[in-house]
C-alpha atoms as a PDB file:
ATOM      1  CA  UNK A   1      32.944 -29.480   8.682  1.00  0.00           C
ATOM      2  CA  UNK A   2      31.072 -27.431   5.834  1.00  0.00           C
ATOM      3  CA  UNK A   3      27.592 -28.407   7.282  1.00  0.00           C
ATOM      4  CA  UNK A   4      28.560 -27.180  10.849  1.00  0.00           C
ATOM      5  CA  UNK A   5      30.273 -23.831   9.532  1.00  0.00           C
ATOM      6  CA  UNK A   6      26.951 -23.277   7.500  1.00  0.00           C
ATOM      7  CA  UNK A   7      24.856 -23.887  10.518  1.00  0.00           C
ATOM      8  CA  UNK A   8      26.957 -21.579  12.686  1.00  0.00           C
ATOM      9  CA  UNK A   9      26.437 -18.764  10.099  1.00  0.00           C
ATOM     10  CA  UNK A  10      22.795 -19.929   9.901  1.00  0.00           C
ATOM     11  CA  UNK A  11      22.502 -19.293  13.746  1.00  0.00           C
ATOM     12  CA  UNK A  12      24.267 -15.836  13.262  1.00  0.00           C
ATOM     13  CA  UNK A  13      21.636 -15.059  10.509  1.00  0.00           C
ATOM     14  CA  UNK A  14      24.455 -14.616   8.075  1.00  0.00           C
ATOM     15  CA  UNK A  15      22.497 -16.457   5.429  1.00  0.00           C
ATOM     16  CA  UNK A  16      24.697 -15.216   2.591  1.00  0.00           C
ATOM     17  CA  UNK A  17      27.768 -17.007   4.342  1.00  0.00           C
ATOM     18  CA  UNK A  18      25.754 -19.987   5.046  1.00  0.00           C
ATOM     19  CA  UNK A  19      24.627 -20.424   1.709  1.00  0.00           C
ATOM     20  CA  UNK A  20      28.252 -20.703   0.665  1.00  0.00           C
ATOM     21  CA  UNK A  21      29.444 -22.841   3.303  1.00  0.00           C
ATOM     22  CA  UNK A  22      26.554 -25.430   2.247  1.00  0.00           C
ATOM     23  CA  UNK A  23      27.541 -24.939  -1.289  1.00  0.00           C
ATOM     24  CA  UNK A  24      31.078 -25.753  -0.871  1.00  0.00           C
ATOM     25  CA  UNK A  25      30.114 -28.953   1.166  1.00  0.00           C
ATOM     26  CA  UNK A  26      28.218 -30.111  -1.892  1.00  0.00           C
ATOM     27  CA  UNK A  27      30.871 -29.218  -4.481  1.00  0.00           C
ATOM     28  CA  UNK A  28      32.974 -31.715  -2.505  1.00  0.00           C
ATOM     29  CA  UNK A  29      30.779 -34.508  -3.563  1.00  0.00           C
ATOM     30  CA  UNK A  30      31.345 -36.769  -0.492  1.00  0.00           C
ATOM     31  CA  UNK A  31      28.905 -39.592  -2.164  1.00  0.00           C
ATOM     32  CA  UNK A  32      26.911 -39.622   0.956  1.00  0.00           C
ATOM     33  CA  UNK A  33      23.253 -38.761  -0.386  1.00  0.00           C
ATOM     34  CA  UNK A  34      21.672 -38.186   3.306  1.00  0.00           C
ATOM     35  CA  UNK A  35      24.463 -35.711   4.074  1.00  0.00           C
ATOM     36  CA  UNK A  36      23.788 -33.894   0.825  1.00  0.00           C
ATOM     37  CA  UNK A  37      20.093 -33.914   1.374  1.00  0.00           C
ATOM     38  CA  UNK A  38      20.592 -32.212   4.676  1.00  0.00           C
ATOM     39  CA  UNK A  39      23.087 -29.931   3.094  1.00  0.00           C
ATOM     40  CA  UNK A  40      20.474 -29.020   0.232  1.00  0.00           C
ATOM     41  CA  UNK A  41      17.782 -28.602   2.962  1.00  0.00           C
ATOM     42  CA  UNK A  42      19.919 -26.441   4.934  1.00  0.00           C
ATOM     43  CA  UNK A  43      20.815 -24.355   1.907  1.00  0.00           C
ATOM     44  CA  UNK A  44      17.187 -23.936   1.114  1.00  0.00           C
ATOM     45  CA  UNK A  45      16.523 -22.735   4.425  1.00  0.00           C
ATOM     46  CA  UNK A  46      19.210 -20.078   3.888  1.00  0.00           C
ATOM     47  CA  UNK A  47      18.073 -19.187   0.573  1.00  0.00           C
ATOM     48  CA  UNK A  48      14.353 -18.618   1.847  1.00  0.00           C
ATOM     49  CA  UNK A  49      15.563 -16.617   4.674  1.00  0.00           C
ATOM     50  CA  UNK A  50      17.190 -14.225   1.802  1.00  0.00           C
ATOM     51  CA  UNK A  51      14.039 -14.127  -0.085  1.00  0.00           C
ATOM     52  CA  UNK A  52      15.372 -16.458  -2.799  1.00  0.00           C
ATOM     53  CA  UNK A  53      12.385 -18.666  -2.805  1.00  0.00           C
ATOM     54  CA  UNK A  54      12.782 -20.202  -6.266  1.00  0.00           C
ATOM     55  CA  UNK A  55      16.372 -21.432  -5.310  1.00  0.00           C
ATOM     56  CA  UNK A  56      15.157 -22.627  -1.995  1.00  0.00           C
ATOM     57  CA  UNK A  57      12.507 -24.455  -3.589  1.00  0.00           C
ATOM     58  CA  UNK A  58      14.946 -26.160  -6.257  1.00  0.00           C
ATOM     59  CA  UNK A  59      17.230 -27.165  -3.250  1.00  0.00           C
ATOM     60  CA  UNK A  60      14.043 -28.743  -1.742  1.00  0.00           C
ATOM     61  CA  UNK A  61      13.268 -30.525  -4.642  1.00  0.00           C
ATOM     62  CA  UNK A  62      16.784 -32.047  -5.013  1.00  0.00           C
ATOM     63  CA  UNK A  63      16.802 -32.947  -1.290  1.00  0.00           C
ATOM     64  CA  UNK A  64      13.573 -34.791  -1.429  1.00  0.00           C
ATOM     65  CA  UNK A  65      14.895 -36.651  -4.540  1.00  0.00           C
ATOM     66  CA  UNK A  66      18.079 -37.919  -2.444  1.00  0.00           C
ATOM     67  CA  UNK A  67      15.779 -38.562   0.387  1.00  0.00           C
ATOM     68  CA  UNK A  68      12.069 -38.784  -0.211  1.00  0.00           C
ATOM     69  CA  UNK A  69      11.145 -39.112   3.299  1.00  0.00           C
ATOM     70  CA  UNK A  70      13.205 -36.046   4.344  1.00  0.00           C
ATOM     71  CA  UNK A  71      10.348 -34.053   6.297  1.00  0.00           C
ATOM     72  CA  UNK A  72      12.286 -30.895   6.772  1.00  0.00           C
ATOM     73  CA  UNK A  73      12.841 -30.870   2.917  1.00  0.00           C
ATOM     74  CA  UNK A  74       9.215 -31.309   2.218  1.00  0.00           C
ATOM     75  CA  UNK A  75       8.293 -28.613   4.816  1.00  0.00           C
ATOM     76  CA  UNK A  76      10.850 -26.408   3.279  1.00  0.00           C
ATOM     77  CA  UNK A  77       9.183 -27.021  -0.307  1.00  0.00           C
ATOM     78  CA  UNK A  78       5.703 -26.449   0.851  1.00  0.00           C
ATOM     79  CA  UNK A  79       6.763 -23.137   2.556  1.00  0.00           C
ATOM     80  CA  UNK A  80       8.483 -21.886  -0.746  1.00  0.00           C
ATOM     81  CA  UNK A  81       5.317 -22.822  -2.665  1.00  0.00           C
ATOM     82  CA  UNK A  82       3.512 -20.742  -0.227  1.00  0.00           C
ATOM     83  CA  UNK A  83       5.607 -17.550  -0.696  1.00  0.00           C
ATOM     84  CA  UNK A  84       5.598 -18.169  -4.536  1.00  0.00           C
ATOM     85  CA  UNK A  85       1.789 -18.236  -4.519  1.00  0.00           C
ATOM     86  CA  UNK A  86       1.457 -21.798  -5.884  1.00  0.00           C
ATOM     87  CA  UNK A  87      -0.993 -23.069  -3.168  1.00  0.00           C
ATOM     88  CA  UNK A  88      -2.288 -26.031  -5.078  1.00  0.00           C
ATOM     89  CA  UNK A  89       1.434 -27.164  -5.426  1.00  0.00           C
ATOM     90  CA  UNK A  90       1.935 -26.259  -1.684  1.00  0.00           C
ATOM     91  CA  UNK A  91      -1.291 -28.570  -0.586  1.00  0.00           C
ATOM     92  CA  UNK A  92       0.329 -31.482  -2.677  1.00  0.00           C
ATOM     93  CA  UNK A  93       3.788 -31.157  -0.678  1.00  0.00           C
ATOM     94  CA  UNK A  94       1.930 -31.248   2.680  1.00  0.00           C
ATOM     95  CA  UNK A  95      -0.039 -34.206   1.435  1.00  0.00           C
ATOM     96  CA  UNK A  96       3.069 -35.984   0.669  1.00  0.00           C
ATOM     97  CA  UNK A  97       4.630 -35.054   4.010  1.00  0.00           C
ATOM     98  CA  UNK A  98       1.263 -36.382   5.870  1.00  0.00           C
ATOM     99  CA  UNK A  99       1.531 -39.586   4.109  1.00  0.00           C
ATOM    100  CA  UNK A 100       5.055 -39.964   5.782  1.00  0.00           C
ATOM    101  CA  UNK A 101       4.079 -38.573   9.305  1.00  0.00           C
ATOM    102  CA  UNK A 102       0.020 -37.804   9.816  1.00  0.00           C
ATOM    103  CA  UNK A 103       0.715 -36.083  13.052  1.00  0.00           C
ATOM    104  CA  UNK A 104       3.212 -33.639  11.762  1.00  0.00           C
ATOM    105  CA  UNK A 105       1.378 -30.202  12.701  1.00  0.00           C
ATOM    106  CA  UNK A 106       3.310 -28.093  10.364  1.00  0.00           C
ATOM    107  CA  UNK A 107       1.702 -29.717   7.311  1.00  0.00           C
ATOM    108  CA  UNK A 108      -1.670 -29.590   8.807  1.00  0.00           C
ATOM    109  CA  UNK A 109      -1.133 -25.754   9.307  1.00  0.00           C
ATOM    110  CA  UNK A 110       0.376 -25.168   5.982  1.00  0.00           C
ATOM    111  CA  UNK A 111      -2.160 -27.062   4.169  1.00  0.00           C
ATOM    112  CA  UNK A 112      -5.188 -25.120   5.894  1.00  0.00           C
ATOM    113  CA  UNK A 113      -3.510 -21.775   4.954  1.00  0.00           C
ATOM    114  CA  UNK A 114      -2.664 -22.904   1.380  1.00  0.00           C
ATOM    115  CA  UNK A 115      -6.312 -23.897   0.936  1.00  0.00           C
ATOM    116  CA  UNK A 116      -7.803 -20.815   2.285  1.00  0.00           C
ATOM    117  CA  UNK A 117      -5.432 -18.652   0.112  1.00  0.00           C
ATOM    118  CA  UNK A 118      -6.075 -20.783  -2.931  1.00  0.00           C
ATOM    119  CA  UNK A 119      -9.828 -20.323  -2.665  1.00  0.00           C
ATOM    120  CA  UNK A 120      -9.085 -16.539  -2.291  1.00  0.00           C
ATOM    121  CA  UNK A 121      -6.938 -16.616  -5.122  1.00  0.00           C
ATOM    122  CA  UNK A 122      -9.498 -18.233  -7.347  1.00  0.00           C
ATOM    123  CA  UNK A 123     -12.249 -16.047  -6.153  1.00  0.00           C
ATOM    124  CA  UNK A 124      -9.980 -13.109  -7.172  1.00  0.00           C
ATOM    125  CA  UNK A 125      -9.183 -14.541 -10.592  1.00  0.00           C
ATOM    126  CA  UNK A 126     -13.008 -14.901 -11.130  1.00  0.00           C
ATOM    127  CA  UNK A 127     -13.628 -11.172 -10.540  1.00  0.00           C
ATOM    128  CA  UNK A 128     -10.717 -10.061 -12.487  1.00  0.00           C
ATOM    129  CA  UNK A 129     -12.204 -12.104 -15.476  1.00  0.00           C
ATOM    130  CA  UNK A 130     -15.706 -10.420 -14.868  1.00  0.00           C
ATOM    131  CA  UNK A 131     -13.912  -7.090 -14.290  1.00  0.00           C
ATOM    132  CA  UNK A 132     -11.729  -7.595 -17.586  1.00  0.00           C
ATOM    133  CA  UNK A 133     -14.860  -8.421 -19.590  1.00  0.00           C
ATOM    134  CA  UNK A 134     -16.951  -5.526 -18.511  1.00  0.00           C
ATOM    135  CA  UNK A 135     -13.957  -3.043 -19.166  1.00  0.00           C
ATOM    136  CA  UNK A 136     -13.598  -4.778 -22.748  1.00  0.00           C
ATOM    137  CA  UNK A 137     -17.318  -4.155 -23.244  1.00  0.00           C
ATOM    138  CA  UNK A 138     -17.135  -0.513 -22.190  1.00  0.00           C
ATOM    139  CA  UNK A 139     -14.414   0.072 -24.338  1.00  0.00           C
ATOM    140  CA  UNK A 140     -16.082  -1.362 -27.332  1.00  0.00           C
ATOM    141  CA  UNK A 141     -18.819   0.959 -26.671  1.00  0.00           C
ATOM    142  CA  UNK A 142     -16.647   4.111 -26.300  1.00  0.00           C
ATOM    143  CA  UNK A 143     -14.655   3.116 -29.553  1.00  0.00           C
ATOM    144  CA  UNK A 144     -17.921   2.972 -31.354  1.00  0.00           C
ATOM    145  CA  UNK A 145     -19.086   6.345 -29.855  1.00  0.00           C
ATOM    146  CA  UNK A 146     -15.760   7.695 -31.487  1.00  0.00           C
ATOM    147  CA  UNK A 147     -16.199   6.087 -34.792  1.00  0.00           C
ATOM    148  CA  UNK A 148     -19.766   7.222 -34.882  1.00  0.00           C
ATOM    149  CA  UNK A 149     -18.575  10.763 -34.490  1.00  0.00           C
ATOM    150  CA  UNK A 150     -15.868  10.314 -37.339  1.00  0.00           C
ATOM    151  CA  UNK A 151     -12.962  11.261 -35.011  1.00  0.00           C
ATOM    152  CA  UNK A 152      -9.922   9.914 -36.298  1.00  0.00           C
ATOM    153  CA  UNK A 153      -7.139   8.318 -33.932  1.00  0.00           C
ATOM    154  CA  UNK A 154      -3.724   7.921 -34.397  1.00  0.00           C
ATOM    155  CA  UNK A 155      -1.507   5.075 -32.728  1.00  0.00           C
ATOM    156  CA  UNK A 156       2.413   5.609 -32.600  1.00  0.00           C
ATOM    157  CA  UNK A 157       3.927   2.279 -33.672  1.00  0.00           C
ATOM    158  CA  UNK A 158       7.418   1.288 -32.115  1.00  0.00           C
ATOM    159  CA  UNK A 159       9.114   1.746 -35.804  1.00  0.00           C
ATOM    160  CA  UNK A 160       7.934   5.429 -35.304  1.00  0.00           C
ATOM    161  CA  UNK A 161       5.641   5.271 -38.256  1.00  0.00           C
ATOM    162  CA  UNK A 162       2.125   6.630 -37.382  1.00  0.00           C
ATOM    163  CA  UNK A 163      -0.779   4.986 -38.682  1.00  0.00           C
ATOM    164  CA  UNK A 164      -4.629   5.957 -38.253  1.00  0.00           C
ATOM    165  CA  UNK A 165      -6.499   3.390 -36.053  1.00  0.00           C
ATOM    166  CA  UNK A 166      -9.926   2.417 -34.617  1.00  0.00           C
ATOM    167  CA  UNK A 167      -8.122   1.487 -31.381  1.00  0.00           C
ATOM    168  CA  UNK A 168      -7.291   3.632 -28.315  1.00  0.00           C
ATOM    169  CA  UNK A 169      -3.846   4.532 -27.463  1.00  0.00           C
ATOM    170  CA  UNK A 170      -2.419   5.017 -24.120  1.00  0.00           C
ATOM    171  CA  UNK A 171      -2.077   8.584 -23.101  1.00  0.00           C
ATOM    172  CA  UNK A 172       1.424  10.143 -24.006  1.00  0.00           C
ATOM    173  CA  UNK A 173       2.268  13.541 -23.897  1.00  0.00           C
ATOM    174  CA  UNK A 174       5.382  13.529 -26.348  1.00  0.00           C
ATOM    175  CA  UNK A 175       7.903  15.765 -25.005  1.00  0.00           C
ATOM    176  CA  UNK A 176       5.438  18.432 -23.079  1.00  0.00           C
ATOM    177  CA  UNK A 177       5.151  16.711 -19.673  1.00  0.00           C
ATOM    178  CA  UNK A 178       2.198  17.303 -17.024  1.00  0.00           C
ATOM    179  CA  UNK A 179       1.997  15.235 -14.168  1.00  0.00           C
ATOM    180  CA  UNK A 180      -1.673  15.749 -13.768  1.00  0.00           C
ATOM    181  CA  UNK A 181      -2.413  14.039 -17.144  1.00  0.00           C
ATOM    182  CA  UNK A 182      -1.424  10.716 -15.708  1.00  0.00           C
ATOM    183  CA  UNK A 183      -4.010   8.227 -16.162  1.00  0.00           C
ATOM    184  CA  UNK A 184      -6.330  10.607 -17.946  1.00  0.00           C
ATOM    185  CA  UNK A 185      -8.514   8.952 -20.640  1.00  0.00           C
ATOM    186  CA  UNK A 186     -11.512   9.606 -22.860  1.00  0.00           C
ATOM    187  CA  UNK A 187     -14.703   8.626 -21.334  1.00  0.00           C
ATOM    188  CA  UNK A 188     -18.352   8.717 -21.909  1.00  0.00           C
ATOM    189  CA  UNK A 189     -20.507  10.328 -19.184  1.00  0.00           C
ATOM    190  CA  UNK A 190     -23.966   9.268 -18.077  1.00  0.00           C
ATOM    191  CA  UNK A 191     -25.442  11.262 -20.957  1.00  0.00           C
ATOM    192  CA  UNK A 192     -23.479   9.535 -23.666  1.00  0.00           C
ATOM    193  CA  UNK A 193     -21.152  12.278 -24.307  1.00  0.00           C
ATOM    194  CA  UNK A 194     -17.684  12.057 -24.855  1.00  0.00           C
ATOM    195  CA  UNK A 195     -15.183  13.683 -22.270  1.00  0.00           C
ATOM    196  CA  UNK A 196     -11.507  14.328 -23.327  1.00  0.00           C
ATOM    197  CA  UNK A 197      -8.210  14.943 -21.690  1.00  0.00           C
ATOM    198  CA  UNK A 198      -7.072  18.127 -23.862  1.00  0.00           C
ATOM    199  CA  UNK A 199      -3.454  19.561 -23.679  1.00  0.00           C
ATOM    200  CA  UNK A 200      -3.027  23.093 -24.346  1.00  0.00           C
ATOM    201  CA  UNK A 201       0.507  23.982 -25.169  1.00  0.00           C
ATOM    202  CA  UNK A 202       2.140  27.591 -24.871  1.00  0.00           C
ATOM    203  CA  UNK A 203       5.090  27.159 -27.275  1.00  0.00           C
ATOM    204  CA  UNK A 204       6.535  30.668 -26.400  1.00  0.00           C
ATOM    205  CA  UNK A 205       6.724  30.263 -22.723  1.00  0.00           C
ATOM    206  CA  UNK A 206       7.377  26.338 -23.086  1.00  0.00           C
ATOM    207  CA  UNK A 207       4.340  25.739 -20.577  1.00  0.00           C
ATOM    208  CA  UNK A 208       1.166  23.305 -20.669  1.00  0.00           C
ATOM    209  CA  UNK A 209      -1.938  23.286 -19.553  1.00  0.00           C
ATOM    210  CA  UNK A 210      -4.118  20.231 -19.119  1.00  0.00           C
ATOM    211  CA  UNK A 211      -7.987  19.781 -18.853  1.00  0.00           C
ATOM    212  CA  UNK A 212      -8.514  16.201 -17.591  1.00  0.00           C
ATOM    213  CA  UNK A 213     -12.265  16.105 -19.002  1.00  0.00           C
ATOM    214  CA  UNK A 214     -13.146  18.424 -21.833  1.00  0.00           C
ATOM    215  CA  UNK A 215     -16.790  17.854 -22.384  1.00  0.00           C
ATOM    216  CA  UNK A 216     -16.989  17.445 -26.601  1.00  0.00           C
ATOM    217  CA  UNK A 217     -19.949  20.156 -26.697  1.00  0.00           C
ATOM    218  CA  UNK A 218     -18.006  22.957 -24.653  1.00  0.00           C
ATOM    219  CA  UNK A 219     -16.375  25.846 -26.288  1.00  0.00           C
ATOM    220  CA  UNK A 220     -12.900  26.639 -26.371  1.00  0.00           C
ATOM    221  CA  UNK A 221     -13.624  30.180 -25.134  1.00  0.00           C
ATOM    222  CA  UNK A 222     -15.429  28.701 -21.803  1.00  0.00           C
ATOM    223  CA  UNK A 223     -12.509  26.885 -20.991  1.00  0.00           C
ATOM    224  CA  UNK A 224     -10.127  29.846 -21.703  1.00  0.00           C
ATOM    225  CA  UNK A 225     -12.558  32.139 -19.578  1.00  0.00           C
ATOM    226  CA  UNK A 226     -11.885  29.850 -16.701  1.00  0.00           C
ATOM    227  CA  UNK A 227      -8.169  29.069 -17.366  1.00  0.00           C
ATOM    228  CA  UNK A 228      -7.379  32.712 -17.610  1.00  0.00           C
ATOM    229  CA  UNK A 229      -9.503  34.195 -15.070  1.00  0.00           C
ATOM    230  CA  UNK A 230      -6.212  35.106 -13.535  1.00  0.00           C
ATOM    231  CA  UNK A 231      -2.835  35.827 -15.133  1.00  0.00           C
ATOM    232  CA  UNK A 232      -0.659  33.003 -15.190  1.00  0.00           C
ATOM    233  CA  UNK A 233       2.715  33.484 -13.288  1.00  0.00           C
ATOM    234  CA  UNK A 234       4.737  33.021 -16.536  1.00  0.00           C
ATOM    235  CA  UNK A 235       2.756  35.817 -18.396  1.00  0.00           C
ATOM    236  CA  UNK A 236       4.910  38.786 -17.216  1.00  0.00           C
ATOM    237  CA  UNK A 237       3.751  40.938 -20.346  1.00  0.00           C
ATOM    238  CA  UNK A 238       0.159  40.162 -19.537  1.00  0.00           C
ATOM    239  CA  UNK A 239      -0.685  39.169 -23.009  1.00  0.00           C
ATOM    240  CA  UNK A 240      -2.437  35.858 -22.263  1.00  0.00           C
ATOM    241  CA  UNK A 241      -6.237  37.055 -21.663  1.00  0.00           C
ATOM    242  CA  UNK A 242      -9.101  35.035 -23.024  1.00  0.00           C
ATOM    243  CA  UNK A 243     -10.052  37.631 -25.729  1.00  0.00           C
ATOM    244  CA  UNK A 244      -6.450  38.121 -26.917  1.00  0.00           C
ATOM    245  CA  UNK A 245      -5.626  34.377 -27.794  1.00  0.00           C
ATOM    246  CA  UNK A 246      -5.302  32.456 -30.718  1.00  0.00           C
ATOM    247  CA  UNK A 247      -5.809  28.663 -30.908  1.00  0.00           C
ATOM    248  CA  UNK A 248      -4.340  26.318 -33.498  1.00  0.00           C
ATOM    249  CA  UNK A 249      -3.857  22.632 -34.419  1.00  0.00           C
ATOM    250  CA  UNK A 250      -1.147  21.261 -36.398  1.00  0.00           C
ATOM    251  CA  UNK A 251      -1.447  18.999 -39.319  1.00  0.00           C
ATOM    252  CA  UNK A 252       1.943  17.253 -39.090  1.00  0.00           C
ATOM    253  CA  UNK A 253       1.852  15.183 -42.187  1.00  0.00           C
ATOM    254  CA  UNK A 254       1.423  18.307 -44.414  1.00  0.00           C
ATOM    255  CA  UNK A 255       3.125  20.525 -42.068  1.00  0.00           C
ATOM    256  CA  UNK A 256       0.327  23.101 -41.968  1.00  0.00           C
ATOM    257  CA  UNK A 257      -1.578  24.978 -39.072  1.00  0.00           C
ATOM    258  CA  UNK A 258      -5.059  25.281 -38.842  1.00  0.00           C
ATOM    259  CA  UNK A 259      -6.470  28.309 -36.645  1.00  0.00           C
ATOM    260  CA  UNK A 260      -9.454  27.188 -34.349  1.00  0.00           C
ATOM    261  CA  UNK A 261     -12.297  29.381 -33.851  1.00  0.00           C
ATOM    262  CA  UNK A 262     -12.668  29.749 -30.005  1.00  0.00           C
ATOM    263  CA  UNK A 263     -16.438  29.694 -30.314  1.00  0.00           C
ATOM    264  CA  UNK A 264     -16.178  26.109 -31.704  1.00  0.00           C
ATOM    265  CA  UNK A 265     -16.773  23.264 -29.683  1.00  0.00           C
ATOM    266  CA  UNK A 266     -14.172  20.398 -29.210  1.00  0.00           C
ATOM    267  CA  UNK A 267     -16.390  18.200 -31.176  1.00  0.00           C
ATOM    268  CA  UNK A 268     -16.188  20.412 -34.174  1.00  0.00           C
ATOM    269  CA  UNK A 269     -12.513  20.515 -34.020  1.00  0.00           C
ATOM    270  CA  UNK A 270     -12.224  16.870 -33.640  1.00  0.00           C
ATOM    271  CA  UNK A 271     -14.399  16.050 -36.665  1.00  0.00           C
ATOM    272  CA  UNK A 272     -12.141  18.241 -39.139  1.00  0.00           C
ATOM    273  CA  UNK A 273     -10.911  16.082 -41.774  1.00  0.00           C
ATOM    274  CA  UNK A 274      -7.284  16.824 -41.067  1.00  0.00           C
ATOM    275  CA  UNK A 275      -7.663  16.522 -37.094  1.00  0.00           C
ATOM    276  CA  UNK A 276      -6.070  13.494 -35.902  1.00  0.00           C
ATOM    277  CA  UNK A 277      -6.114  12.740 -32.181  1.00  0.00           C
ATOM    278  CA  UNK A 278      -2.750  11.310 -31.233  1.00  0.00           C
ATOM    279  CA  UNK A 279      -2.222   8.954 -28.171  1.00  0.00           C
ATOM    280  CA  UNK A 280      -5.707   9.667 -26.910  1.00  0.00           C
ATOM    281  CA  UNK A 281      -4.923  13.409 -26.060  1.00  0.00           C
ATOM    282  CA  UNK A 282      -6.244  16.266 -28.368  1.00  0.00           C
ATOM    283  CA  UNK A 283      -3.787  19.068 -28.273  1.00  0.00           C
ATOM    284  CA  UNK A 284      -4.157  22.809 -29.156  1.00  0.00           C
ATOM    285  CA  UNK A 285      -1.446  25.325 -29.451  1.00  0.00           C
ATOM    286  CA  UNK A 286      -2.076  28.593 -27.765  1.00  0.00           C
ATOM    287  CA  UNK A 287      -0.540  32.097 -28.916  1.00  0.00           C
ATOM    288  CA  UNK A 288      -0.996  35.693 -27.749  1.00  0.00           C
ATOM    289  CA  UNK A 289      -2.435  37.575 -30.908  1.00  0.00           C
ATOM    290  CA  UNK A 290       0.087  39.261 -33.073  1.00  0.00           C
ATOM    291  CA  UNK A 291       2.989  38.576 -30.688  1.00  0.00           C
ATOM    292  CA  UNK A 292       6.502  38.689 -32.197  1.00  0.00           C
ATOM    293  CA  UNK A 293       6.737  35.173 -31.337  1.00  0.00           C
ATOM    294  CA  UNK A 294       3.857  33.991 -32.983  1.00  0.00           C
ATOM    295  CA  UNK A 295       4.706  35.943 -36.471  1.00  0.00           C
ATOM    296  CA  UNK A 296       8.044  34.421 -36.176  1.00  0.00           C
ATOM    297  CA  UNK A 297       6.573  30.686 -35.431  1.00  0.00           C
ATOM    298  CA  UNK A 298       4.165  30.792 -38.217  1.00  0.00           C
ATOM    299  CA  UNK A 299       6.637  32.349 -40.836  1.00  0.00           C
ATOM    300  CA  UNK A 300       6.847  30.098 -43.861  1.00  0.00           C
ATOM    301  CA  UNK A 301       3.945  28.089 -42.678  1.00  0.00           C
ATOM    302  CA  UNK A 302       0.589  27.641 -44.425  1.00  0.00           C
ATOM    303  CA  UNK A 303      -2.322  28.314 -42.275  1.00  0.00           C
ATOM    304  CA  UNK A 304      -5.880  27.560 -42.703  1.00  0.00           C
ATOM    305  CA  UNK A 305      -8.946  29.081 -40.827  1.00  0.00           C
ATOM    306  CA  UNK A 306     -11.595  26.921 -39.561  1.00  0.00           C
END
């Protein structure tokens, strides 16, 4: 009864109800191992069409235990292993099926496809391992270059306690978001110079700019001349001109500010004893000179000149 009901649902491609019908038949525990094997195999097929490959495989395994020569269960199990990318297991199931029926074309086809995909999978795994080794080597060279320059990196552990580290952290903008920053990381160019992603923050207007590759020997003023060649749309008072800007970085631990000389290079700033690169991205705060906002912002704060 439940088998026929499930088969009708299956023909209608109502696989969810087919699973329910076959499951009800199995719950009845009729004691007929062959019927249970068929119900399990049919339910495996329904699960398969629903994309539930792990459940389908489990049913195929149980069906094969009840009836080891049940070819449909073995075929279904092999197909499940294919979908789960377990190509070696798929081949083993096909070999088992061919021991029962050496002329079953389905096993020959699945085995050939599984063997081909297994070789591709193994090749890709070898390539990935080589690439991983290469990336690790490049990372070690990069870290050595950073350490050689006495640049301090800060990791941000999950317990919210900061620690200085020799390791590279992932890029994180910590509250100021810039879509163009995604994926940007410090890197060495062909001449062995560091190029950093640098975040410029404009607290007065809650705006940001992001430079993907700021050469370590470039001066801040050179970048400002390019960035403010035209007034930004949010600068209605026309205060943000290259020569009317003040740059700072913050020493969060001491709650002190350091004014950056625009004529300085990025490397000069990063090498300062109180500069810590957080999350792999140097950050600079930008203010219009002598603006009411900056006066209020720096009120009560200790400011150092570089």
